[in-house]
PDB file of N, CA and C in Angstrom:
ATOM      1  N   MET A   1      12.119  17.327  12.538  1.00  0.00           N
ATOM      2  CA  MET A   1      12.106  15.899  12.764  1.00  0.00           C
ATOM      3  C   MET A   1      13.224  15.280  11.916  1.00  0.00           C
ATOM      4  N   SER A   2      14.055  14.427  12.525  1.00  0.00           N
ATOM      5  CA  SER A   2      15.165  13.819  11.801  1.00  0.00           C
ATOM      6  C   SER A   2      14.668  12.740  10.843  1.00  0.00           C
ATOM      7  N   ILE A   3      15.519  12.389   9.909  1.00  0.00           N
ATOM      8  CA  ILE A   3      15.173  11.345   8.941  1.00  0.00           C
ATOM      9  C   ILE A   3      14.919  10.025   9.661  1.00  0.00           C
ATOM     10  N   ARG A   4      15.733   9.717  10.654  1.00  0.00           N
ATOM     11  CA  ARG A   4      15.558   8.466  11.407  1.00  0.00           C
ATOM     12  C   ARG A   4      14.210   8.451  12.112  1.00  0.00           C
ATOM     13  N   SER A   5      13.822   9.574  12.723  1.00  0.00           N
ATOM     14  CA  SER A   5      12.525   9.645  13.401  1.00  0.00           C
ATOM     15  C   SER A   5      11.385   9.473  12.414  1.00  0.00           C
ATOM     16  N   MET A   6      11.520  10.085  11.234  1.00  0.00           N
ATOM     17  CA  MET A   6      10.476   9.944  10.215  1.00  0.00           C
ATOM     18  C   MET A   6      10.384   8.503   9.740  1.00  0.00           C
ATOM     19  N   LEU A   7      11.539   7.834   9.579  1.00  0.00           N
ATOM     20  CA  LEU A   7      11.533   6.439   9.143  1.00  0.00           C
ATOM     21  C   LEU A   7      10.872   5.544  10.182  1.00  0.00           C
ATOM     22  N   VAL A   8      11.216   5.755  11.447  1.00  0.00           N
ATOM     23  CA  VAL A   8      10.612   4.951  12.515  1.00  0.00           C
ATOM     24  C   VAL A   8       9.110   5.184  12.549  1.00  0.00           C
ATOM     25  N   ALA A   9       8.679   6.438  12.408  1.00  0.00           N
ATOM     26  CA  ALA A   9       7.250   6.740  12.394  1.00  0.00           C
ATOM     27  C   ALA A   9       6.560   6.071  11.211  1.00  0.00           C
ATOM     28  N   ALA A  10       7.217   6.080  10.036  1.00  0.00           N
ATOM     29  CA  ALA A  10       6.638   5.453   8.848  1.00  0.00           C
ATOM     30  C   ALA A  10       6.520   3.941   9.035  1.00  0.00           C
ATOM     31  N   VAL A  11       7.534   3.323   9.637  1.00  0.00           N
ATOM     32  CA  VAL A  11       7.499   1.873   9.881  1.00  0.00           C
ATOM     33  C   VAL A  11       6.335   1.520  10.794  1.00  0.00           C
ATOM     34  N   PHE A  12       6.150   2.292  11.871  1.00  0.00           N
ATOM     35  CA  PHE A  12       5.049   2.002  12.779  1.00  0.00           C
ATOM     36  C   PHE A  12       3.697   2.277  12.128  1.00  0.00           C
ATOM     37  N   ALA A  13       3.621   3.286  11.276  1.00  0.00           N
ATOM     38  CA  ALA A  13       2.365   3.555  10.569  1.00  0.00           C
ATOM     39  C   ALA A  13       2.023   2.415   9.634  1.00  0.00           C
ATOM     40  N   LEU A  14       3.033   1.909   8.912  1.00  0.00           N
ATOM     41  CA  LEU A  14       2.788   0.779   8.015  1.00  0.00           C
ATOM     42  C   LEU A  14       2.413  -0.466   8.800  1.00  0.00           C
ATOM     43  N   ALA A  15       3.044  -0.672   9.947  1.00  0.00           N
ATOM     44  CA  ALA A  15       2.739  -1.847  10.766  1.00  0.00           C
ATOM     45  C   ALA A  15       1.292  -1.835  11.240  1.00  0.00           C
ATOM     46  N   SER A  16       0.735  -0.657  11.424  1.00  0.00           N
ATOM     47  CA  SER A  16      -0.655  -0.586  11.879  1.00  0.00           C
ATOM     48  C   SER A  16      -1.632  -1.004  10.791  1.00  0.00           C
ATOM     49  N   LEU A  17      -1.164  -1.092   9.555  1.00  0.00           N
ATOM     50  CA  LEU A  17      -2.011  -1.507   8.446  1.00  0.00           C
ATOM     51  C   LEU A  17      -1.942  -3.015   8.197  1.00  0.00           C
ATOM     52  N   GLU A  18      -1.413  -3.768   9.149  1.00  0.00           N
ATOM     53  CA  GLU A  18      -1.182  -5.197   8.992  1.00  0.00           C
ATOM     54  C   GLU A  18      -2.433  -5.938   8.524  1.00  0.00           C
ATOM     55  N   ALA A  19      -2.223  -6.929   7.671  1.00  0.00           N
ATOM     56  CA  ALA A  19      -3.330  -7.709   7.113  1.00  0.00           C
ATOM     57  C   ALA A  19      -4.079  -8.468   8.202  1.00  0.00           C
ATOM     58  N   ALA A  20      -5.361  -8.774   7.929  1.00  0.00           N
ATOM     59  CA  ALA A  20      -6.216  -9.438   8.905  1.00  0.00           C
ATOM     60  C   ALA A  20      -5.820 -10.890   9.126  1.00  0.00           C
ATOM     61  N   HIS A  21      -5.341 -11.575   8.102  1.00  0.00           N
ATOM     62  CA  HIS A  21      -4.962 -12.973   8.294  1.00  0.00           C
ATOM     63  C   HIS A  21      -3.470 -13.090   8.546  1.00  0.00           C
ATOM     64  N   ALA A  22      -3.069 -14.090   9.338  1.00  0.00           N
ATOM     65  CA  ALA A  22      -1.710 -14.178   9.852  1.00  0.00           C
ATOM     66  C   ALA A  22      -0.678 -14.498   8.782  1.00  0.00           C
ATOM     67  N   ASP A  23      -0.943 -15.392   7.862  1.00  0.00           N
ATOM     68  CA  ASP A  23       0.081 -15.859   6.942  1.00  0.00           C
ATOM     69  C   ASP A  23       0.111 -15.122   5.614  1.00  0.00           C
ATOM     70  N   GLY A  24      -1.022 -14.593   5.161  1.00  0.00           N
ATOM     71  CA  GLY A  24      -1.074 -13.935   3.868  1.00  0.00           C
ATOM     72  C   GLY A  24      -1.009 -12.427   4.005  1.00  0.00           C
ATOM     73  N   LEU A  25      -0.827 -11.776   2.887  1.00  0.00           N
ATOM     74  CA  LEU A  25      -0.718 -10.330   2.874  1.00  0.00           C
ATOM     75  C   LEU A  25      -1.385  -9.790   1.629  1.00  0.00           C
ATOM     76  N   ARG A  26      -2.107  -8.692   1.764  1.00  0.00           N
ATOM     77  CA  ARG A  26      -2.713  -8.016   0.625  1.00  0.00           C
ATOM     78  C   ARG A  26      -1.742  -6.957   0.114  1.00  0.00           C
ATOM     79  N   PRO A  27      -1.863  -6.562  -1.161  1.00  0.00           N
ATOM     80  CA  PRO A  27      -0.985  -5.498  -1.670  1.00  0.00           C
ATOM     81  C   PRO A  27      -1.106  -4.241  -0.811  1.00  0.00           C
ATOM     82  N   ILE A  28       0.009  -3.615  -0.564  1.00  0.00           N
ATOM     83  CA  ILE A  28       0.180  -2.378   0.193  1.00  0.00           C
ATOM     84  C   ILE A  28      -0.012  -2.562   1.704  1.00  0.00           C
ATOM     85  N   ALA A  29      -0.701  -3.606   2.158  1.00  0.00           N
ATOM     86  CA  ALA A  29      -0.847  -3.847   3.595  1.00  0.00           C
ATOM     87  C   ALA A  29       0.510  -4.244   4.167  1.00  0.00           C
ATOM     88  N   ALA A  30       0.779  -3.852   5.387  1.00  0.00           N
ATOM     89  CA  ALA A  30       2.075  -4.124   6.006  1.00  0.00           C
ATOM     90  C   ALA A  30       1.999  -5.312   6.954  1.00  0.00           C
ATOM     91  N   LYS A  31       3.120  -5.982   7.099  1.00  0.00           N
ATOM     92  CA  LYS A  31       3.244  -7.133   7.998  1.00  0.00           C
ATOM     93  C   LYS A  31       4.456  -6.888   8.893  1.00  0.00           C
ATOM     94  N   SER A  32       4.269  -6.980  10.196  1.00  0.00           N
ATOM     95  CA  SER A  32       5.382  -6.824  11.138  1.00  0.00           C
ATOM     96  C   SER A  32       6.296  -8.037  11.081  1.00  0.00           C
ATOM     97  N   ILE A  33       7.578  -7.792  11.260  1.00  0.00           N
ATOM     98  CA  ILE A  33       8.584  -8.849  11.257  1.00  0.00           C
ATOM     99  C   ILE A  33       9.331  -8.796  12.586  1.00  0.00           C
ATOM    100  N   ASP A  34       9.495  -9.948  13.232  1.00  0.00           N
ATOM    101  CA  ASP A  34      10.237 -10.027  14.490  1.00  0.00           C
ATOM    102  C   ASP A  34      11.223 -11.177  14.388  1.00  0.00           C
ATOM    103  N   LEU A  35      12.503 -10.831  14.323  1.00  0.00           N
ATOM    104  CA  LEU A  35      13.567 -11.827  14.292  1.00  0.00           C
ATOM    105  C   LEU A  35      14.454 -11.672  15.527  1.00  0.00           C
ATOM    106  N   GLY A  36      13.832 -11.501  16.681  1.00  0.00           N
ATOM    107  CA  GLY A  36      14.589 -11.306  17.921  1.00  0.00           C
ATOM    108  C   GLY A  36      15.040  -9.861  18.040  1.00  0.00           C
ATOM    109  N   GLU A  37      16.348  -9.634  17.982  1.00  0.00           N
ATOM    110  CA  GLU A  37      16.895  -8.285  18.106  1.00  0.00           C
ATOM    111  C   GLU A  37      16.660  -7.441  16.858  1.00  0.00           C
ATOM    112  N   VAL A  38      16.304  -8.075  15.759  1.00  0.00           N
ATOM    113  CA  VAL A  38      16.048  -7.370  14.499  1.00  0.00           C
ATOM    114  C   VAL A  38      14.551  -7.434  14.215  1.00  0.00           C
ATOM    115  N   SER A  39      13.974  -6.287  13.891  1.00  0.00           N
ATOM    116  CA  SER A  39      12.543  -6.262  13.585  1.00  0.00           C
ATOM    117  C   SER A  39      12.291  -5.247  12.484  1.00  0.00           C
ATOM    118  N   GLY A  40      11.081  -5.280  11.958  1.00  0.00           N
ATOM    119  CA  GLY A  40      10.751  -4.343  10.900  1.00  0.00           C
ATOM    120  C   GLY A  40       9.379  -4.592  10.346  1.00  0.00           C
ATOM    121  N   VAL A  41       9.224  -4.275   9.060  1.00  0.00           N
ATOM    122  CA  VAL A  41       7.934  -4.360   8.403  1.00  0.00           C
ATOM    123  C   VAL A  41       8.156  -4.692   6.932  1.00  0.00           C
ATOM    124  N   ALA A  42       7.169  -5.366   6.325  1.00  0.00           N
ATOM    125  CA  ALA A  42       7.236  -5.689   4.900  1.00  0.00           C
ATOM    126  C   ALA A  42       5.880  -5.425   4.260  1.00  0.00           C
ATOM    127  N   TYR A  43       5.905  -5.042   2.998  1.00  0.00           N
ATOM    128  CA  TYR A  43       4.689  -4.882   2.200  1.00  0.00           C
ATOM    129  C   TYR A  43       5.055  -5.174   0.756  1.00  0.00           C
ATOM    130  N   TYR A  44       4.059  -5.323  -0.107  1.00  0.00           N
ATOM    131  CA  TYR A  44       4.367  -5.530  -1.522  1.00  0.00           C
ATOM    132  C   TYR A  44       3.406  -4.758  -2.404  1.00  0.00           C
ATOM    133  N   THR A  45       3.868  -4.535  -3.628  1.00  0.00           N
ATOM    134  CA  THR A  45       3.045  -3.922  -4.660  1.00  0.00           C
ATOM    135  C   THR A  45       3.068  -4.827  -5.885  1.00  0.00           C
ATOM    136  N   VAL A  46       1.999  -4.788  -6.651  1.00  0.00           N
ATOM    137  CA  VAL A  46       1.902  -5.588  -7.864  1.00  0.00           C
ATOM    138  C   VAL A  46       2.380  -4.720  -9.027  1.00  0.00           C
ATOM    139  N   GLU A  47       3.442  -5.167  -9.686  1.00  0.00           N
ATOM    140  CA  GLU A  47       4.024  -4.432 -10.805  1.00  0.00           C
ATOM    141  C   GLU A  47       4.046  -5.338 -12.029  1.00  0.00           C
ATOM    142  N   ARG A  48       4.338  -4.767 -13.165  1.00  0.00           N
ATOM    143  CA  ARG A  48       4.360  -5.518 -14.424  1.00  0.00           C
ATOM    144  C   ARG A  48       5.379  -6.670 -14.404  1.00  0.00           C
ATOM    145  N   ASP A  49       6.543  -6.460 -13.773  1.00  0.00           N
ATOM    146  CA  ASP A  49       7.597  -7.476 -13.773  1.00  0.00           C
ATOM    147  C   ASP A  49       7.524  -8.444 -12.593  1.00  0.00           C
ATOM    148  N   GLY A  50       6.522  -8.332 -11.735  1.00  0.00           N
ATOM    149  CA  GLY A  50       6.372  -9.236 -10.598  1.00  0.00           C
ATOM    150  C   GLY A  50       5.878  -8.487  -9.379  1.00  0.00           C
ATOM    151  N   PHE A  51       5.824  -9.179  -8.259  1.00  0.00           N
ATOM    152  CA  PHE A  51       5.422  -8.569  -6.996  1.00  0.00           C
ATOM    153  C   PHE A  51       6.668  -7.982  -6.348  1.00  0.00           C
ATOM    154  N   HIS A  52       6.669  -6.678  -6.081  1.00  0.00           N
ATOM    155  CA  HIS A  52       7.796  -6.013  -5.433  1.00  0.00           C
ATOM    156  C   HIS A  52       7.572  -6.052  -3.925  1.00  0.00           C
ATOM    157  N   VAL A  53       8.359  -6.883  -3.227  1.00  0.00           N
ATOM    158  CA  VAL A  53       8.269  -7.007  -1.779  1.00  0.00           C
ATOM    159  C   VAL A  53       9.313  -6.073  -1.169  1.00  0.00           C
ATOM    160  N   VAL A  54       8.857  -5.114  -0.375  1.00  0.00           N
ATOM    161  CA  VAL A  54       9.738  -4.132   0.256  1.00  0.00           C
ATOM    162  C   VAL A  54       9.812  -4.469   1.735  1.00  0.00           C
ATOM    163  N   THR A  55      11.021  -4.756   2.219  1.00  0.00           N
ATOM    164  CA  THR A  55      11.239  -5.131   3.609  1.00  0.00           C
ATOM    165  C   THR A  55      12.201  -4.140   4.245  1.00  0.00           C
ATOM    166  N   THR A  56      11.816  -3.552   5.369  1.00  0.00           N
ATOM    167  CA  THR A  56      12.678  -2.639   6.112  1.00  0.00           C
ATOM    168  C   THR A  56      12.939  -3.261   7.469  1.00  0.00           C
ATOM    169  N   LEU A  57      14.227  -3.425   7.816  1.00  0.00           N
ATOM    170  CA  LEU A  57      14.634  -4.061   9.067  1.00  0.00           C
ATOM    171  C   LEU A  57      15.640  -3.185   9.795  1.00  0.00           C
ATOM    172  N   ALA A  58      15.639  -3.251  11.131  1.00  0.00           N
ATOM    173  CA  ALA A  58      16.620  -2.539  11.943  1.00  0.00           C
ATOM    174  C   ALA A  58      16.818  -3.294  13.245  1.00  0.00           C
ATOM    175  N   GLN A  59      17.995  -3.095  13.843  1.00  0.00           N
ATOM    176  CA  GLN A  59      18.285  -3.700  15.136  1.00  0.00           C
ATOM    177  C   GLN A  59      17.989  -2.671  16.210  1.00  0.00           C
ATOM    178  N   GLY A  60      16.895  -2.868  16.940  1.00  0.00           N
ATOM    179  CA  GLY A  60      16.497  -1.936  17.988  1.00  0.00           C
ATOM    180  C   GLY A  60      16.154  -0.567  17.425  1.00  0.00           C
ATOM    181  N   MET A  61      15.962   0.395  18.307  1.00  0.00           N
ATOM    182  CA  MET A  61      15.623   1.755  17.887  1.00  0.00           C
ATOM    183  C   MET A  61      16.848   2.517  17.384  1.00  0.00           C
ATOM    184  N   ALA A  62      18.046   2.125  17.819  1.00  0.00           N
ATOM    185  CA  ALA A  62      19.254   2.857  17.453  1.00  0.00           C
ATOM    186  C   ALA A  62      19.930   2.291  16.201  1.00  0.00           C
ATOM    187  N   GLY A  63      19.521   1.100  15.757  1.00  0.00           N
ATOM    188  CA  GLY A  63      20.161   0.474  14.605  1.00  0.00           C
ATOM    189  C   GLY A  63      19.824   1.187  13.307  1.00  0.00           C
ATOM    190  N   THR A  64      20.759   1.163  12.392  1.00  0.00           N
ATOM    191  CA  THR A  64      20.528   1.757  11.082  1.00  0.00           C
ATOM    192  C   THR A  64      19.584   0.866  10.293  1.00  0.00           C
ATOM    193  N   PRO A  65      18.446   1.386   9.842  1.00  0.00           N
ATOM    194  CA  PRO A  65      17.512   0.560   9.085  1.00  0.00           C
ATOM    195  C   PRO A  65      18.057   0.237   7.694  1.00  0.00           C
ATOM    196  N   ILE A  66      17.746  -0.963   7.222  1.00  0.00           N
ATOM    197  CA  ILE A  66      18.076  -1.330   5.847  1.00  0.00           C
ATOM    198  C   ILE A  66      16.782  -1.680   5.128  1.00  0.00           C
ATOM    199  N   ARG A  67      16.764  -1.405   3.856  1.00  0.00           N
ATOM    200  CA  ARG A  67      15.580  -1.681   3.036  1.00  0.00           C
ATOM    201  C   ARG A  67      16.006  -2.637   1.939  1.00  0.00           C
ATOM    202  N   VAL A  68      15.258  -3.721   1.789  1.00  0.00           N
ATOM    203  CA  VAL A  68      15.521  -4.726   0.762  1.00  0.00           C
ATOM    204  C   VAL A  68      14.286  -4.817  -0.119  1.00  0.00           C
ATOM    205  N   VAL A  69      14.480  -4.685  -1.433  1.00  0.00           N
ATOM    206  CA  VAL A  69      13.372  -4.826  -2.380  1.00  0.00           C
ATOM    207  C   VAL A  69      13.620  -6.097  -3.179  1.00  0.00           C
ATOM    208  N   SER A  70      12.665  -7.010  -3.123  1.00  0.00           N
ATOM    209  CA  SER A  70      12.747  -8.279  -3.852  1.00  0.00           C
ATOM    210  C   SER A  70      11.610  -8.327  -4.858  1.00  0.00           C
ATOM    211  N   VAL A  71      11.898  -8.738  -6.079  1.00  0.00           N
ATOM    212  CA  VAL A  71      10.859  -8.895  -7.097  1.00  0.00           C
ATOM    213  C   VAL A  71      10.588 -10.388  -7.220  1.00  0.00           C
ATOM    214  N   LEU A  72       9.365 -10.804  -6.852  1.00  0.00           N
ATOM    215  CA  LEU A  72       9.025 -12.229  -6.832  1.00  0.00           C
ATOM    216  C   LEU A  72       8.083 -12.585  -7.974  1.00  0.00           C
ATOM    217  N   ALA A  73       8.463 -13.596  -8.728  1.00  0.00           N
ATOM    218  CA  ALA A  73       7.591 -14.224  -9.718  1.00  0.00           C
ATOM    219  C   ALA A  73       6.881 -15.372  -9.005  1.00  0.00           C
ATOM    220  N   PRO A  74       5.817 -15.943  -9.589  1.00  0.00           N
ATOM    221  CA  PRO A  74       5.144 -17.079  -8.948  1.00  0.00           C
ATOM    222  C   PRO A  74       6.139 -18.197  -8.604  1.00  0.00           C
ATOM    223  N   GLY A  75       6.041 -18.710  -7.385  1.00  0.00           N
ATOM    224  CA  GLY A  75       6.903 -19.799  -6.942  1.00  0.00           C
ATOM    225  C   GLY A  75       8.223 -19.353  -6.334  1.00  0.00           C
ATOM    226  N   GLN A  76       8.550 -18.079  -6.363  1.00  0.00           N
ATOM    227  CA  GLN A  76       9.810 -17.599  -5.801  1.00  0.00           C
ATOM    228  C   GLN A  76       9.623 -17.151  -4.360  1.00  0.00           C
ATOM    229  N   SER A  77      10.752 -17.089  -3.629  1.00  0.00           N
ATOM    230  CA  SER A  77      10.715 -16.651  -2.239  1.00  0.00           C
ATOM    231  C   SER A  77      12.003 -15.927  -1.885  1.00  0.00           C
ATOM    232  N   VAL A  78      11.963 -15.227  -0.770  1.00  0.00           N
ATOM    233  CA  VAL A  78      13.131 -14.569  -0.199  1.00  0.00           C
ATOM    234  C   VAL A  78      13.117 -14.884   1.293  1.00  0.00           C
ATOM    235  N   ALA A  79      14.302 -15.077   1.879  1.00  0.00           N
ATOM    236  CA  ALA A  79      14.384 -15.438   3.292  1.00  0.00           C
ATOM    237  C   ALA A  79      15.275 -14.460   4.043  1.00  0.00           C
ATOM    238  N   PHE A  80      14.916 -14.204   5.298  1.00  0.00           N
ATOM    239  CA  PHE A  80      15.686 -13.349   6.188  1.00  0.00           C
ATOM    240  C   PHE A  80      15.957 -14.134   7.456  1.00  0.00           C
ATOM    241  N   SER A  81      17.177 -14.007   7.995  1.00  0.00           N
ATOM    242  CA  SER A  81      17.480 -14.701   9.242  1.00  0.00           C
ATOM    243  C   SER A  81      18.536 -13.937  10.019  1.00  0.00           C
ATOM    244  N   THR A  82      18.665 -14.295  11.300  1.00  0.00           N
ATOM    245  CA  THR A  82      19.716 -13.774  12.162  1.00  0.00           C
ATOM    246  C   THR A  82      20.468 -14.973  12.718  1.00  0.00           C
ATOM    247  N   PRO A  83      21.664 -14.760  13.236  1.00  0.00           N
ATOM    248  CA  PRO A  83      22.415 -15.898  13.789  1.00  0.00           C
ATOM    249  C   PRO A  83      21.914 -16.349  15.152  1.00  0.00           C
ATOM    250  N   HIS A  84      20.887 -15.701  15.674  1.00  0.00           N
ATOM    251  CA  HIS A  84      20.368 -16.039  16.999  1.00  0.00           C
ATOM    252  C   HIS A  84      19.233 -17.046  16.896  1.00  0.00           C
ATOM    253  N   GLN A  85      18.686 -17.431  18.012  1.00  0.00           N
ATOM    254  CA  GLN A  85      17.647 -18.448  18.085  1.00  0.00           C
ATOM    255  C   GLN A  85      16.294 -18.005  17.545  1.00  0.00           C
ATOM    256  N   ALA A  86      16.172 -16.768  17.122  1.00  0.00           N
ATOM    257  CA  ALA A  86      14.877 -16.276  16.648  1.00  0.00           C
ATOM    258  C   ALA A  86      14.436 -16.964  15.367  1.00  0.00           C
ATOM    259  N   GLY A  87      15.352 -17.646  14.690  1.00  0.00           N
ATOM    260  CA  GLY A  87      14.986 -18.362  13.483  1.00  0.00           C
ATOM    261  C   GLY A  87      15.037 -17.498  12.250  1.00  0.00           C
ATOM    262  N   ALA A  88      14.188 -17.819  11.293  1.00  0.00           N
ATOM    263  CA  ALA A  88      14.204 -17.135  10.009  1.00  0.00           C
ATOM    264  C   ALA A  88      12.777 -16.899   9.541  1.00  0.00           C
ATOM    265  N   LEU A  89      12.650 -16.019   8.580  1.00  0.00           N
ATOM    266  CA  LEU A  89      11.365 -15.718   7.978  1.00  0.00           C
ATOM    267  C   LEU A  89      11.492 -15.895   6.482  1.00  0.00           C
ATOM    268  N   GLU A  90      10.531 -16.602   5.899  1.00  0.00           N
ATOM    269  CA  GLU A  90      10.493 -16.765   4.452  1.00  0.00           C
ATOM    270  C   GLU A  90       9.254 -16.049   3.924  1.00  0.00           C
ATOM    271  N   ILE A  91       9.458 -15.193   2.923  1.00  0.00           N
ATOM    272  CA  ILE A  91       8.360 -14.519   2.240  1.00  0.00           C
ATOM    273  C   ILE A  91       8.294 -15.127   0.856  1.00  0.00           C
ATOM    274  N   SER A  92       7.150 -15.703   0.492  1.00  0.00           N
ATOM    275  CA  SER A  92       7.055 -16.398  -0.787  1.00  0.00           C
ATOM    276  C   SER A  92       5.823 -15.946  -1.560  1.00  0.00           C
ATOM    277  N   ARG A  93       5.915 -16.139  -2.867  1.00  0.00           N
ATOM    278  CA  ARG A  93       4.769 -15.852  -3.727  1.00  0.00           C
ATOM    279  C   ARG A  93       4.209 -17.172  -4.232  1.00  0.00           C
ATOM    280  N   ASN A  94       2.921 -17.357  -3.992  1.00  0.00           N
ATOM    281  CA  ASN A  94       2.211 -18.537  -4.459  1.00  0.00           C
ATOM    282  C   ASN A  94       1.068 -18.036  -5.325  1.00  0.00           C
ATOM    283  N   GLY A  95       1.248 -18.025  -6.651  1.00  0.00           N
ATOM    284  CA  GLY A  95       0.234 -17.484  -7.547  1.00  0.00           C
ATOM    285  C   GLY A  95       0.069 -16.005  -7.332  1.00  0.00           C
ATOM    286  N   ASP A  96      -1.123 -15.580  -6.917  1.00  0.00           N
ATOM    287  CA  ASP A  96      -1.402 -14.175  -6.657  1.00  0.00           C
ATOM    288  C   ASP A  96      -1.369 -13.835  -5.174  1.00  0.00           C
ATOM    289  N   SER A  97      -0.767 -14.711  -4.356  1.00  0.00           N
ATOM    290  CA  SER A  97      -0.694 -14.497  -2.912  1.00  0.00           C
ATOM    291  C   SER A  97       0.750 -14.367  -2.462  1.00  0.00           C
ATOM    292  N   VAL A  98       0.966 -13.545  -1.448  1.00  0.00           N
ATOM    293  CA  VAL A  98       2.264 -13.453  -0.784  1.00  0.00           C
ATOM    294  C   VAL A  98       2.072 -14.006   0.620  1.00  0.00           C
ATOM    295  N   LEU A  99       2.912 -14.975   0.976  1.00  0.00           N
ATOM    296  CA  LEU A  99       2.782 -15.675   2.252  1.00  0.00           C
ATOM    297  C   LEU A  99       4.028 -15.488   3.103  1.00  0.00           C
ATOM    298  N   PHE A 100       3.830 -15.430   4.424  1.00  0.00           N
ATOM    299  CA  PHE A 100       4.920 -15.355   5.389  1.00  0.00           C
ATOM    300  C   PHE A 100       4.965 -16.665   6.147  1.00  0.00           C
ATOM    301  N   ARG A 101       6.185 -17.194   6.335  1.00  0.00           N
ATOM    302  CA  ARG A 101       6.340 -18.458   7.054  1.00  0.00           C
ATOM    303  C   ARG A 101       7.595 -18.393   7.904  1.00  0.00           C
ATOM    304  N   LYS A 102       7.454 -18.737   9.175  1.00  0.00           N
ATOM    305  CA  LYS A 102       8.627 -18.829  10.027  1.00  0.00           C
ATOM    306  C   LYS A 102       9.344 -20.129   9.710  1.00  0.00           C
ATOM    307  N   ALA A 103      10.665 -20.051   9.662  1.00  0.00           N
ATOM    308  CA  ALA A 103      11.490 -21.229   9.391  1.00  0.00           C
ATOM    309  C   ALA A 103      12.531 -21.352  10.489  1.00  0.00           C
ATOM    310  N   LYS A 104      13.064 -22.540  10.662  1.00  0.00           N
ATOM    311  CA  LYS A 104      14.095 -22.756  11.676  1.00  0.00           C
ATOM    312  C   LYS A 104      15.420 -22.134  11.267  1.00  0.00           C
ATOM    313  N   SER A 105      15.742 -22.260   9.990  1.00  0.00           N
ATOM    314  CA  SER A 105      17.014 -21.738   9.508  1.00  0.00           C
ATOM    315  C   SER A 105      16.936 -21.532   8.006  1.00  0.00           C
ATOM    316  N   VAL A 106      17.692 -20.569   7.510  1.00  0.00           N
ATOM    317  CA  VAL A 106      17.769 -20.358   6.076  1.00  0.00           C
ATOM    318  C   VAL A 106      18.627 -21.442   5.436  1.00  0.00           C
ATOM    319  N   LEU A 107      19.640 -21.899   6.153  1.00  0.00           N
ATOM    320  CA  LEU A 107      20.536 -22.934   5.627  1.00  0.00           C
ATOM    321  C   LEU A 107      19.913 -24.302   5.803  1.00  0.00           C
ATOM    322  N   ASN A 108      19.922 -25.103   4.763  1.00  0.00           N
ATOM    323  CA  ASN A 108      19.379 -26.460   4.835  1.00  0.00           C
ATOM    324  C   ASN A 108      20.472 -27.468   4.692  1.00  0.00           C
TER     325      ASN A 108
END
């Protein structure tokens, strides 16, 4: 099995663990991301220096996946967007919660 096939399988396995509520996320539970042509999955772990949010995104099945790790302190956020009409996604930390919010654009 190729590395790409294993990565795709891991992404789909994590996506099946998606949290029960739409906007929030529990530690280690995965959340699917859809930004039009770009999609992926995100999860977080609680570490001493903050919440480590791990996001893996790829364009279609043939696109090279990228992994972004963001360390969020309370009140911080990270945003992902594409230049297309799919909009943007903001992942934020509010106290002990990690929230997902669709946004119109990253640029204000």
